[in-house]
Amino acid sequence: MTAPVALVIVSATAATCCNVARKKKKDSRLKRAGVSGYNKPKRTPKHPKKSHIVVAKVGDKVKTIRFGQQGVKGSPKKEGESKAYAARRRAFKARHAKNIAKGKMSAAYWANKVKW
């Protein structure tokens, strides 16, 4: 009679192990980039070249993307902007339209969304 009890205990232990294994571990790329989650861009003021970082995720694909030139202003606030800034914004969007259209896995998409 004691053998079935031992099997039940082993089965319960195995189930507990499986539950522990099911818990999702936070992706190391999020921690390394210092962002709060996927597709959430963050400013990187101390990076020598690029001004922002994002860990982009589309489906199962995950990619760390750095974008934006350090020290360059993107576009100012849209309300009350000058004609020169409006032209600057349009020129950026026209110049990079093909790359912006590639979606979340491209740096141009994120630069367009965050900086322009």
PDB file of N, CA and C in Angstrom:
ATOM      1  N   MET A   1       0.798  -1.200   0.000  1.00  0.00           N
ATOM      2  CA  MET A   1       0.000   0.000   0.000  1.00  0.00           C
ATOM      3  C   MET A   1       0.842   1.266   0.000  1.00  0.00           C
ATOM      4  N   THR A   2       2.019   1.189   0.535  1.00  0.00           N
ATOM      5  CA  THR A   2       2.841   2.396   0.618  1.00  0.00           C
ATOM      6  C   THR A   2       3.440   2.782  -0.730  1.00  0.00           C
ATOM      7  N   ALA A   3       3.625   1.845  -1.615  1.00  0.00           N
ATOM      8  CA  ALA A   3       4.229   2.136  -2.917  1.00  0.00           C
ATOM      9  C   ALA A   3       3.376   3.118  -3.730  1.00  0.00           C
ATOM     10  N   PRO A   4       2.046   2.920  -3.815  1.00  0.00           N
ATOM     11  CA  PRO A   4       1.252   3.893  -4.558  1.00  0.00           C
ATOM     12  C   PRO A   4       1.327   5.298  -3.953  1.00  0.00           C
ATOM     13  N   VAL A   5       1.432   5.392  -2.649  1.00  0.00           N
ATOM     14  CA  VAL A   5       1.556   6.698  -2.001  1.00  0.00           C
ATOM     15  C   VAL A   5       2.840   7.376  -2.456  1.00  0.00           C
ATOM     16  N   ALA A   6       3.919   6.622  -2.541  1.00  0.00           N
ATOM     17  CA  ALA A   6       5.207   7.164  -2.987  1.00  0.00           C
ATOM     18  C   ALA A   6       5.094   7.650  -4.429  1.00  0.00           C
ATOM     19  N   LEU A   7       4.348   6.914  -5.260  1.00  0.00           N
ATOM     20  CA  LEU A   7       4.173   7.327  -6.636  1.00  0.00           C
ATOM     21  C   LEU A   7       3.377   8.624  -6.730  1.00  0.00           C
ATOM     22  N   VAL A   8       2.396   8.767  -5.874  1.00  0.00           N
ATOM     23  CA  VAL A   8       1.597   9.987  -5.861  1.00  0.00           C
ATOM     24  C   VAL A   8       2.468  11.174  -5.483  1.00  0.00           C
ATOM     25  N   ILE A   9       3.328  10.997  -4.516  1.00  0.00           N
ATOM     26  CA  ILE A   9       4.225  12.067  -4.078  1.00  0.00           C
ATOM     27  C   ILE A   9       5.184  12.433  -5.201  1.00  0.00           C
ATOM     28  N   VAL A  10       5.719  11.443  -5.888  1.00  0.00           N
ATOM     29  CA  VAL A  10       6.631  11.695  -7.005  1.00  0.00           C
ATOM     30  C   VAL A  10       5.897  12.443  -8.109  1.00  0.00           C
ATOM     31  N   SER A  11       4.663  12.048  -8.388  1.00  0.00           N
ATOM     32  CA  SER A  11       3.881  12.706  -9.414  1.00  0.00           C
ATOM     33  C   SER A  11       3.603  14.157  -9.042  1.00  0.00           C
ATOM     34  N   ALA A  12       3.285  14.399  -7.784  1.00  0.00           N
ATOM     35  CA  ALA A  12       3.033  15.770  -7.329  1.00  0.00           C
ATOM     36  C   ALA A  12       4.298  16.598  -7.441  1.00  0.00           C
ATOM     37  N   THR A  13       5.439  16.006  -7.119  1.00  0.00           N
ATOM     38  CA  THR A  13       6.716  16.712  -7.236  1.00  0.00           C
ATOM     39  C   THR A  13       7.010  17.022  -8.696  1.00  0.00           C
ATOM     40  N   ALA A  14       6.732  16.089  -9.581  1.00  0.00           N
ATOM     41  CA  ALA A  14       6.963  16.307 -11.008  1.00  0.00           C
ATOM     42  C   ALA A  14       6.066  17.429 -11.527  1.00  0.00           C
ATOM     43  N   ALA A  15       4.820  17.457 -11.065  1.00  0.00           N
ATOM     44  CA  ALA A  15       3.907  18.521 -11.491  1.00  0.00           C
ATOM     45  C   ALA A  15       4.404  19.873 -11.012  1.00  0.00           C
ATOM     46  N   THR A  16       4.936  19.939  -9.789  1.00  0.00           N
ATOM     47  CA  THR A  16       5.472  21.185  -9.265  1.00  0.00           C
ATOM     48  C   THR A  16       6.660  21.637 -10.101  1.00  0.00           C
ATOM     49  N   CYS A  17       7.524  20.709 -10.486  1.00  0.00           N
ATOM     50  CA  CYS A  17       8.675  21.044 -11.323  1.00  0.00           C
ATOM     51  C   CYS A  17       8.213  21.605 -12.663  1.00  0.00           C
ATOM     52  N   CYS A  18       7.184  21.018 -13.235  1.00  0.00           N
ATOM     53  CA  CYS A  18       6.667  21.500 -14.518  1.00  0.00           C
ATOM     54  C   CYS A  18       6.112  22.913 -14.386  1.00  0.00           C
ATOM     55  N   ASN A  19       5.408  23.212 -13.289  1.00  0.00           N
ATOM     56  CA  ASN A  19       4.868  24.554 -13.084  1.00  0.00           C
ATOM     57  C   ASN A  19       5.979  25.585 -12.974  1.00  0.00           C
ATOM     58  N   VAL A  20       7.064  25.216 -12.323  1.00  0.00           N
ATOM     59  CA  VAL A  20       8.202  26.125 -12.198  1.00  0.00           C
ATOM     60  C   VAL A  20       8.810  26.370 -13.571  1.00  0.00           C
ATOM     61  N   ALA A  21       8.888  25.335 -14.383  1.00  0.00           N
ATOM     62  CA  ALA A  21       9.478  25.459 -15.711  1.00  0.00           C
ATOM     63  C   ALA A  21       8.604  26.320 -16.628  1.00  0.00           C
ATOM     64  N   ARG A  22       7.293  26.365 -16.383  1.00  0.00           N
ATOM     65  CA  ARG A  22       6.389  27.135 -17.231  1.00  0.00           C
ATOM     66  C   ARG A  22       6.499  28.635 -17.033  1.00  0.00           C
ATOM     67  N   LYS A  23       6.990  29.077 -15.891  1.00  0.00           N
ATOM     68  CA  LYS A  23       7.093  30.514 -15.644  1.00  0.00           C
ATOM     69  C   LYS A  23       8.038  31.123 -16.660  1.00  0.00           C
ATOM     70  N   LYS A  24       7.605  32.222 -17.274  1.00  0.00           N
ATOM     71  CA  LYS A  24       8.413  32.859 -18.300  1.00  0.00           C
ATOM     72  C   LYS A  24       9.523  33.669 -17.661  1.00  0.00           C
ATOM     73  N   LYS A  25      10.714  33.498 -18.182  1.00  0.00           N
ATOM     74  CA  LYS A  25      11.860  34.251 -17.716  1.00  0.00           C
ATOM     75  C   LYS A  25      11.953  35.516 -18.574  1.00  0.00           C
ATOM     76  N   LYS A  26      12.286  36.646 -17.962  1.00  0.00           N
ATOM     77  CA  LYS A  26      12.397  37.891 -18.711  1.00  0.00           C
ATOM     78  C   LYS A  26      13.562  37.798 -19.691  1.00  0.00           C
ATOM     79  N   ASP A  27      13.344  38.225 -20.907  1.00  0.00           N
ATOM     80  CA  ASP A  27      14.356  38.146 -21.953  1.00  0.00           C
ATOM     81  C   ASP A  27      15.583  38.967 -21.571  1.00  0.00           C
ATOM     82  N   SER A  28      16.752  38.377 -21.718  1.00  0.00           N
ATOM     83  CA  SER A  28      17.995  39.060 -21.340  1.00  0.00           C
ATOM     84  C   SER A  28      18.239  40.306 -22.183  1.00  0.00           C
ATOM     85  N   ARG A  29      17.682  40.331 -23.406  1.00  0.00           N
ATOM     86  CA  ARG A  29      17.866  41.501 -24.274  1.00  0.00           C
ATOM     87  C   ARG A  29      17.165  42.730 -23.702  1.00  0.00           C
ATOM     88  N   LEU A  30      16.033  42.518 -23.019  1.00  0.00           N
ATOM     89  CA  LEU A  30      15.333  43.643 -22.387  1.00  0.00           C
ATOM     90  C   LEU A  30      16.176  44.220 -21.266  1.00  0.00           C
ATOM     91  N   LYS A  31      16.759  43.342 -20.473  1.00  0.00           N
ATOM     92  CA  LYS A  31      17.578  43.793 -19.348  1.00  0.00           C
ATOM     93  C   LYS A  31      18.831  44.514 -19.850  1.00  0.00           C
ATOM     94  N   ARG A  32      19.480  43.955 -20.850  1.00  0.00           N
ATOM     95  CA  ARG A  32      20.709  44.545 -21.389  1.00  0.00           C
ATOM     96  C   ARG A  32      20.439  45.929 -21.987  1.00  0.00           C
ATOM     97  N   ALA A  33      19.303  46.070 -22.664  1.00  0.00           N
ATOM     98  CA  ALA A  33      18.957  47.356 -23.276  1.00  0.00           C
ATOM     99  C   ALA A  33      18.421  48.342 -22.246  1.00  0.00           C
ATOM    100  N   GLY A  34      17.939  47.827 -21.125  1.00  0.00           N
ATOM    101  CA  GLY A  34      17.403  48.697 -20.077  1.00  0.00           C
ATOM    102  C   GLY A  34      16.023  49.250 -20.384  1.00  0.00           C
ATOM    103  N   VAL A  35      15.256  48.521 -21.174  1.00  0.00           N
ATOM    104  CA  VAL A  35      13.905  48.961 -21.515  1.00  0.00           C
ATOM    105  C   VAL A  35      12.886  48.185 -20.694  1.00  0.00           C
ATOM    106  N   SER A  36      11.680  48.736 -20.588  1.00  0.00           N
ATOM    107  CA  SER A  36      10.661  48.122 -19.743  1.00  0.00           C
ATOM    108  C   SER A  36       9.923  46.973 -20.421  1.00  0.00           C
ATOM    109  N   GLY A  37       9.973  46.916 -21.745  1.00  0.00           N
ATOM    110  CA  GLY A  37       9.290  45.840 -22.459  1.00  0.00           C
ATOM    111  C   GLY A  37       9.569  45.915 -23.945  1.00  0.00           C
ATOM    112  N   TYR A  38       9.003  44.970 -24.690  1.00  0.00           N
ATOM    113  CA  TYR A  38       9.173  44.959 -26.135  1.00  0.00           C
ATOM    114  C   TYR A  38       8.477  46.163 -26.756  1.00  0.00           C
ATOM    115  N   ASN A  39       9.059  46.675 -27.815  1.00  0.00           N
ATOM    116  CA  ASN A  39       8.503  47.790 -28.594  1.00  0.00           C
ATOM    117  C   ASN A  39       8.293  49.052 -27.754  1.00  0.00           C
ATOM    118  N   LYS A  40       9.162  49.250 -26.754  1.00  0.00           N
ATOM    119  CA  LYS A  40       9.102  50.455 -25.920  1.00  0.00           C
ATOM    120  C   LYS A  40      10.450  51.163 -26.012  1.00  0.00           C
ATOM    121  N   PRO A  41      10.549  52.189 -26.866  1.00  0.00           N
ATOM    122  CA  PRO A  41      11.831  52.863 -27.057  1.00  0.00           C
ATOM    123  C   PRO A  41      12.284  53.626 -25.821  1.00  0.00           C
ATOM    124  N   LYS A  42      13.593  53.765 -25.702  1.00  0.00           N
ATOM    125  CA  LYS A  42      14.176  54.466 -24.568  1.00  0.00           C
ATOM    126  C   LYS A  42      15.314  55.357 -25.060  1.00  0.00           C
ATOM    127  N   ARG A  43      15.444  56.514 -24.482  1.00  0.00           N
ATOM    128  CA  ARG A  43      16.517  57.455 -24.812  1.00  0.00           C
ATOM    129  C   ARG A  43      17.826  56.909 -24.251  1.00  0.00           C
ATOM    130  N   THR A  44      18.918  57.072 -25.004  1.00  0.00           N
ATOM    131  CA  THR A  44      20.243  56.642 -24.545  1.00  0.00           C
ATOM    132  C   THR A  44      21.213  57.824 -24.643  1.00  0.00           C
ATOM    133  N   PRO A  45      21.175  58.742 -23.675  1.00  0.00           N
ATOM    134  CA  PRO A  45      21.992  59.953 -23.774  1.00  0.00           C
ATOM    135  C   PRO A  45      23.502  59.714 -23.701  1.00  0.00           C
ATOM    136  N   LYS A  46      23.928  58.596 -23.121  1.00  0.00           N
ATOM    137  CA  LYS A  46      25.370  58.356 -22.984  1.00  0.00           C
ATOM    138  C   LYS A  46      25.959  57.524 -24.114  1.00  0.00           C
ATOM    139  N   HIS A  47      25.124  57.047 -25.031  1.00  0.00           N
ATOM    140  CA  HIS A  47      25.654  56.272 -26.145  1.00  0.00           C
ATOM    141  C   HIS A  47      26.390  57.222 -27.094  1.00  0.00           C
ATOM    142  N   PRO A  48      27.575  56.838 -27.579  1.00  0.00           N
ATOM    143  CA  PRO A  48      28.356  57.772 -28.394  1.00  0.00           C
ATOM    144  C   PRO A  48      27.749  58.112 -29.754  1.00  0.00           C
ATOM    145  N   LYS A  49      26.976  57.229 -30.350  1.00  0.00           N
ATOM    146  CA  LYS A  49      26.462  57.466 -31.699  1.00  0.00           C
ATOM    147  C   LYS A  49      24.940  57.587 -31.794  1.00  0.00           C
ATOM    148  N   LYS A  50      24.220  56.682 -31.150  1.00  0.00           N
ATOM    149  CA  LYS A  50      22.768  56.607 -31.345  1.00  0.00           C
ATOM    150  C   LYS A  50      21.998  57.136 -30.137  1.00  0.00           C
ATOM    151  N   SER A  51      20.881  57.792 -30.409  1.00  0.00           N
ATOM    152  CA  SER A  51      20.151  58.485 -29.346  1.00  0.00           C
ATOM    153  C   SER A  51      19.070  57.645 -28.665  1.00  0.00           C
ATOM    154  N   HIS A  52      18.634  56.544 -29.277  1.00  0.00           N
ATOM    155  CA  HIS A  52      17.555  55.728 -28.710  1.00  0.00           C
ATOM    156  C   HIS A  52      17.833  54.244 -28.916  1.00  0.00           C
ATOM    157  N   ILE A  53      17.164  53.429 -28.117  1.00  0.00           N
ATOM    158  CA  ILE A  53      17.229  51.977 -28.269  1.00  0.00           C
ATOM    159  C   ILE A  53      15.829  51.407 -28.059  1.00  0.00           C
ATOM    160  N   VAL A  54      15.554  50.320 -28.761  1.00  0.00           N
ATOM    161  CA  VAL A  54      14.283  49.612 -28.594  1.00  0.00           C
ATOM    162  C   VAL A  54      14.544  48.123 -28.847  1.00  0.00           C
ATOM    163  N   VAL A  55      13.860  47.278 -28.100  1.00  0.00           N
ATOM    164  CA  VAL A  55      13.897  45.842 -28.378  1.00  0.00           C
ATOM    165  C   VAL A  55      12.589  45.541 -29.101  1.00  0.00           C
ATOM    166  N   ALA A  56      12.687  45.421 -30.424  1.00  0.00           N
ATOM    167  CA  ALA A  56      11.502  45.240 -31.266  1.00  0.00           C
ATOM    168  C   ALA A  56      11.131  43.765 -31.329  1.00  0.00           C
ATOM    169  N   LYS A  57       9.828  43.513 -31.316  1.00  0.00           N
ATOM    170  CA  LYS A  57       9.333  42.142 -31.416  1.00  0.00           C
ATOM    171  C   LYS A  57       8.131  42.111 -32.343  1.00  0.00           C
ATOM    172  N   VAL A  58       8.210  41.253 -33.353  1.00  0.00           N
ATOM    173  CA  VAL A  58       7.097  41.009 -34.264  1.00  0.00           C
ATOM    174  C   VAL A  58       6.972  39.506 -34.379  1.00  0.00           C
ATOM    175  N   GLY A  59       5.894  38.963 -33.856  1.00  0.00           N
ATOM    176  CA  GLY A  59       5.725  37.514 -33.824  1.00  0.00           C
ATOM    177  C   GLY A  59       6.763  36.896 -32.898  1.00  0.00           C
ATOM    178  N   ASP A  60       7.548  35.967 -33.428  1.00  0.00           N
ATOM    179  CA  ASP A  60       8.597  35.323 -32.638  1.00  0.00           C
ATOM    180  C   ASP A  60       9.953  35.998 -32.811  1.00  0.00           C
ATOM    181  N   LYS A  61      10.051  36.912 -33.768  1.00  0.00           N
ATOM    182  CA  LYS A  61      11.333  37.576 -34.031  1.00  0.00           C
ATOM    183  C   LYS A  61      11.558  38.709 -33.039  1.00  0.00           C
ATOM    184  N   VAL A  62      12.759  38.744 -32.468  1.00  0.00           N
ATOM    185  CA  VAL A  62      13.143  39.787 -31.516  1.00  0.00           C
ATOM    186  C   VAL A  62      14.457  40.383 -32.000  1.00  0.00           C
ATOM    187  N   LYS A  63      14.549  41.720 -31.977  1.00  0.00           N
ATOM    188  CA  LYS A  63      15.736  42.388 -32.488  1.00  0.00           C
ATOM    189  C   LYS A  63      15.988  43.658 -31.686  1.00  0.00           C
ATOM    190  N   THR A  64      17.239  43.879 -31.279  1.00  0.00           N
ATOM    191  CA  THR A  64      17.608  45.117 -30.596  1.00  0.00           C
ATOM    192  C   THR A  64      18.003  46.127 -31.656  1.00  0.00           C
ATOM    193  N   ILE A  65      17.371  47.292 -31.626  1.00  0.00           N
ATOM    194  CA  ILE A  65      17.617  48.318 -32.638  1.00  0.00           C
ATOM    195  C   ILE A  65      18.034  49.610 -31.952  1.00  0.00           C
ATOM    196  N   ARG A  66      19.145  50.169 -32.391  1.00  0.00           N
ATOM    197  CA  ARG A  66      19.559  51.510 -31.975  1.00  0.00           C
ATOM    198  C   ARG A  66      19.271  52.431 -33.139  1.00  0.00           C
ATOM    199  N   PHE A  67      18.732  53.602 -32.848  1.00  0.00           N
ATOM    200  CA  PHE A  67      18.368  54.510 -33.926  1.00  0.00           C
ATOM    201  C   PHE A  67      18.507  55.955 -33.491  1.00  0.00           C
ATOM    202  N   GLY A  68      18.536  56.850 -34.452  1.00  0.00           N
ATOM    203  CA  GLY A  68      18.594  58.280 -34.208  1.00  0.00           C
ATOM    204  C   GLY A  68      20.017  58.782 -33.996  1.00  0.00           C
ATOM    205  N   GLN A  69      20.345  59.868 -34.668  1.00  0.00           N
ATOM    206  CA  GLN A  69      21.679  60.448 -34.499  1.00  0.00           C
ATOM    207  C   GLN A  69      21.748  61.209 -33.183  1.00  0.00           C
ATOM    208  N   GLN A  70      22.797  60.941 -32.413  1.00  0.00           N
ATOM    209  CA  GLN A  70      22.980  61.589 -31.114  1.00  0.00           C
ATOM    210  C   GLN A  70      23.186  63.093 -31.306  1.00  0.00           C
ATOM    211  N   GLY A  71      22.503  63.881 -30.519  1.00  0.00           N
ATOM    212  CA  GLY A  71      22.694  65.327 -30.548  1.00  0.00           C
ATOM    213  C   GLY A  71      21.879  66.072 -31.579  1.00  0.00           C
ATOM    214  N   VAL A  72      21.178  65.363 -32.440  1.00  0.00           N
ATOM    215  CA  VAL A  72      20.370  66.019 -33.464  1.00  0.00           C
ATOM    216  C   VAL A  72      18.932  66.077 -32.986  1.00  0.00           C
ATOM    217  N   LYS A  73      18.349  67.239 -33.079  1.00  0.00           N
ATOM    218  CA  LYS A  73      16.942  67.353 -32.720  1.00  0.00           C
ATOM    219  C   LYS A  73      16.137  66.686 -33.816  1.00  0.00           C
ATOM    220  N   GLY A  74      15.116  66.006 -33.434  1.00  0.00           N
ATOM    221  CA  GLY A  74      14.209  65.441 -34.430  1.00  0.00           C
ATOM    222  C   GLY A  74      13.328  66.578 -34.891  1.00  0.00           C
ATOM    223  N   SER A  75      12.099  66.463 -34.637  1.00  0.00           N
ATOM    224  CA  SER A  75      11.173  67.516 -34.981  1.00  0.00           C
ATOM    225  C   SER A  75      10.612  68.093 -33.689  1.00  0.00           C
ATOM    226  N   PRO A  76      10.402  69.394 -33.660  1.00  0.00           N
ATOM    227  CA  PRO A  76       9.811  69.981 -32.456  1.00  0.00           C
ATOM    228  C   PRO A  76       8.337  69.641 -32.361  1.00  0.00           C
ATOM    229  N   LYS A  77       7.679  70.156 -31.364  1.00  0.00           N
ATOM    230  CA  LYS A  77       6.239  69.936 -31.205  1.00  0.00           C
ATOM    231  C   LYS A  77       5.516  70.369 -32.484  1.00  0.00           C
ATOM    232  N   LYS A  78       4.527  69.609 -32.883  1.00  0.00           N
ATOM    233  CA  LYS A  78       3.865  69.849 -34.163  1.00  0.00           C
ATOM    234  C   LYS A  78       2.987  71.098 -34.170  1.00  0.00           C
ATOM    235  N   GLU A  79       2.353  71.417 -33.038  1.00  0.00           N
ATOM    236  CA  GLU A  79       1.477  72.591 -33.037  1.00  0.00           C
ATOM    237  C   GLU A  79       2.325  73.859 -33.014  1.00  0.00           C
ATOM    238  N   GLY A  80       2.036  74.750 -33.911  1.00  0.00           N
ATOM    239  CA  GLY A  80       2.740  76.030 -33.961  1.00  0.00           C
ATOM    240  C   GLY A  80       4.146  75.934 -34.522  1.00  0.00           C
ATOM    241  N   GLU A  81       4.451  74.899 -35.306  1.00  0.00           N
ATOM    242  CA  GLU A  81       5.797  74.799 -35.866  1.00  0.00           C
ATOM    243  C   GLU A  81       5.938  75.710 -37.075  1.00  0.00           C
ATOM    244  N   SER A  82       7.159  76.081 -37.346  1.00  0.00           N
ATOM    245  CA  SER A  82       7.412  76.969 -38.482  1.00  0.00           C
ATOM    246  C   SER A  82       7.315  76.184 -39.788  1.00  0.00           C
ATOM    247  N   LYS A  83       7.255  76.912 -40.901  1.00  0.00           N
ATOM    248  CA  LYS A  83       7.195  76.261 -42.213  1.00  0.00           C
ATOM    249  C   LYS A  83       8.480  75.478 -42.479  1.00  0.00           C
ATOM    250  N   ALA A  84       9.588  75.991 -41.971  1.00  0.00           N
ATOM    251  CA  ALA A  84      10.866  75.312 -42.173  1.00  0.00           C
ATOM    252  C   ALA A  84      10.868  73.951 -41.482  1.00  0.00           C
ATOM    253  N   TYR A  85      10.338  73.889 -40.262  1.00  0.00           N
ATOM    254  CA  TYR A  85      10.291  72.613 -39.551  1.00  0.00           C
ATOM    255  C   TYR A  85       9.303  71.649 -40.196  1.00  0.00           C
ATOM    256  N   ALA A  86       8.205  72.176 -40.715  1.00  0.00           N
ATOM    257  CA  ALA A  86       7.231  71.323 -41.401  1.00  0.00           C
ATOM    258  C   ALA A  86       7.869  70.723 -42.659  1.00  0.00           C
ATOM    259  N   ALA A  87       8.634  71.540 -43.372  1.00  0.00           N
ATOM    260  CA  ALA A  87       9.316  71.062 -44.582  1.00  0.00           C
ATOM    261  C   ALA A  87      10.375  70.014 -44.211  1.00  0.00           C
ATOM    262  N   ARG A  88      11.055  70.235 -43.100  1.00  0.00           N
ATOM    263  CA  ARG A  88      12.079  69.303 -42.614  1.00  0.00           C
ATOM    264  C   ARG A  88      11.454  67.939 -42.297  1.00  0.00           C
ATOM    265  N   ARG A  89      10.307  67.983 -41.640  1.00  0.00           N
ATOM    266  CA  ARG A  89       9.599  66.750 -41.299  1.00  0.00           C
ATOM    267  C   ARG A  89       9.174  66.005 -42.568  1.00  0.00           C
ATOM    268  N   ARG A  90       8.582  66.725 -43.511  1.00  0.00           N
ATOM    269  CA  ARG A  90       8.129  66.099 -44.761  1.00  0.00           C
ATOM    270  C   ARG A  90       9.309  65.503 -45.531  1.00  0.00           C
ATOM    271  N   ALA A  91      10.433  66.211 -45.548  1.00  0.00           N
ATOM    272  CA  ALA A  91      11.613  65.726 -46.270  1.00  0.00           C
ATOM    273  C   ALA A  91      12.133  64.428 -45.651  1.00  0.00           C
ATOM    274  N   PHE A  92      12.169  64.361 -44.313  1.00  0.00           N
ATOM    275  CA  PHE A  92      12.626  63.142 -43.640  1.00  0.00           C
ATOM    276  C   PHE A  92      11.715  61.981 -43.995  1.00  0.00           C
ATOM    277  N   LYS A  93      10.411  62.206 -43.892  1.00  0.00           N
ATOM    278  CA  LYS A  93       9.453  61.130 -44.149  1.00  0.00           C
ATOM    279  C   LYS A  93       9.504  60.670 -45.606  1.00  0.00           C
ATOM    280  N   ALA A  94       9.700  61.600 -46.536  1.00  0.00           N
ATOM    281  CA  ALA A  94       9.791  61.243 -47.954  1.00  0.00           C
ATOM    282  C   ALA A  94      11.084  60.493 -48.245  1.00  0.00           C
ATOM    283  N   ARG A  95      12.167  60.956 -47.652  1.00  0.00           N
ATOM    284  CA  ARG A  95      13.482  60.362 -47.895  1.00  0.00           C
ATOM    285  C   ARG A  95      13.560  58.926 -47.369  1.00  0.00           C
ATOM    286  N   HIS A  96      12.893  58.660 -46.262  1.00  0.00           N
ATOM    287  CA  HIS A  96      12.981  57.351 -45.624  1.00  0.00           C
ATOM    288  C   HIS A  96      11.705  56.511 -45.759  1.00  0.00           C
ATOM    289  N   ALA A  97      10.791  56.920 -46.622  1.00  0.00           N
ATOM    290  CA  ALA A  97       9.486  56.260 -46.728  1.00  0.00           C
ATOM    291  C   ALA A  97       9.597  54.753 -46.973  1.00  0.00           C
ATOM    292  N   LYS A  98      10.521  54.343 -47.826  1.00  0.00           N
ATOM    293  CA  LYS A  98      10.658  52.928 -48.159  1.00  0.00           C
ATOM    294  C   LYS A  98      11.081  52.121 -46.929  1.00  0.00           C
ATOM    295  N   ASN A  99      11.999  52.659 -46.134  1.00  0.00           N
ATOM    296  CA  ASN A  99      12.462  51.950 -44.939  1.00  0.00           C
ATOM    297  C   ASN A  99      11.446  52.024 -43.804  1.00  0.00           C
ATOM    298  N   ILE A 100      10.726  53.134 -43.695  1.00  0.00           N
ATOM    299  CA  ILE A 100       9.684  53.265 -42.668  1.00  0.00           C
ATOM    300  C   ILE A 100       8.606  52.202 -42.900  1.00  0.00           C
ATOM    301  N   ALA A 101       8.308  51.955 -44.170  1.00  0.00           N
ATOM    302  CA  ALA A 101       7.267  50.989 -44.526  1.00  0.00           C
ATOM    303  C   ALA A 101       7.636  49.551 -44.152  1.00  0.00           C
ATOM    304  N   LYS A 102       8.907  49.280 -43.859  1.00  0.00           N
ATOM    305  CA  LYS A 102       9.333  47.926 -43.494  1.00  0.00           C
ATOM    306  C   LYS A 102       8.772  47.493 -42.146  1.00  0.00           C
ATOM    307  N   GLY A 103       8.370  48.436 -41.330  1.00  0.00           N
ATOM    308  CA  GLY A 103       7.715  48.084 -40.076  1.00  0.00           C
ATOM    309  C   GLY A 103       8.609  48.146 -38.862  1.00  0.00           C
ATOM    310  N   LYS A 104       8.149  47.528 -37.783  1.00  0.00           N
ATOM    311  CA  LYS A 104       8.787  47.649 -36.471  1.00  0.00           C
ATOM    312  C   LYS A 104      10.204  47.104 -36.401  1.00  0.00           C
ATOM    313  N   MET A 105      10.614  46.304 -37.355  1.00  0.00           N
ATOM    314  CA  MET A 105      11.958  45.737 -37.316  1.00  0.00           C
ATOM    315  C   MET A 105      12.987  46.631 -38.002  1.00  0.00           C
ATOM    316  N   SER A 106      12.627  47.861 -38.361  1.00  0.00           N
ATOM    317  CA  SER A 106      13.577  48.772 -38.988  1.00  0.00           C
ATOM    318  C   SER A 106      13.800  50.003 -38.116  1.00  0.00           C
ATOM    319  N   ALA A 107      15.018  50.504 -38.148  1.00  0.00           N
ATOM    320  CA  ALA A 107      15.367  51.701 -37.370  1.00  0.00           C
ATOM    321  C   ALA A 107      14.607  52.919 -37.879  1.00  0.00           C
ATOM    322  N   ALA A 108      14.359  52.975 -39.188  1.00  0.00           N
ATOM    323  CA  ALA A 108      13.649  54.114 -39.770  1.00  0.00           C
ATOM    324  C   ALA A 108      12.224  54.225 -39.211  1.00  0.00           C
ATOM    325  N   TYR A 109      11.577  53.094 -39.008  1.00  0.00           N
ATOM    326  CA  TYR A 109      10.230  53.092 -38.438  1.00  0.00           C
ATOM    327  C   TYR A 109      10.234  53.755 -37.062  1.00  0.00           C
ATOM    328  N   TRP A 110      11.206  53.368 -36.224  1.00  0.00           N
ATOM    329  CA  TRP A 110      11.265  53.895 -34.863  1.00  0.00           C
ATOM    330  C   TRP A 110      11.689  55.355 -34.831  1.00  0.00           C
ATOM    331  N   ALA A 111      12.615  55.739 -35.711  1.00  0.00           N
ATOM    332  CA  ALA A 111      13.021  57.143 -35.781  1.00  0.00           C
ATOM    333  C   ALA A 111      11.828  58.003 -36.199  1.00  0.00           C
ATOM    334  N   ASN A 112      11.056  57.518 -37.154  1.00  0.00           N
ATOM    335  CA  ASN A 112       9.866  58.238 -37.611  1.00  0.00           C
ATOM    336  C   ASN A 112       8.853  58.381 -36.479  1.00  0.00           C
ATOM    337  N   LYS A 113       8.657  57.316 -35.736  1.00  0.00           N
ATOM    338  CA  LYS A 113       7.655  57.319 -34.677  1.00  0.00           C
ATOM    339  C   LYS A 113       8.080  58.172 -33.476  1.00  0.00           C
ATOM    340  N   VAL A 114       9.343  58.074 -33.068  1.00  0.00           N
ATOM    341  CA  VAL A 114       9.808  58.732 -31.842  1.00  0.00           C
ATOM    342  C   VAL A 114      10.291  60.145 -32.089  1.00  0.00           C
ATOM    343  N   LYS A 115      11.094  60.343 -33.126  1.00  0.00           N
ATOM    344  CA  LYS A 115      11.763  61.629 -33.309  1.00  0.00           C
ATOM    345  C   LYS A 115      11.039  62.585 -34.248  1.00  0.00           C
ATOM    346  N   TRP A 116      10.220  62.067 -35.180  1.00  0.00           N
ATOM    347  CA  TRP A 116       9.608  62.936 -36.160  1.00  0.00           C
ATOM    348  C   TRP A 116       8.103  62.955 -36.024  1.00  0.00           C
TER     349      TRP A 116
END
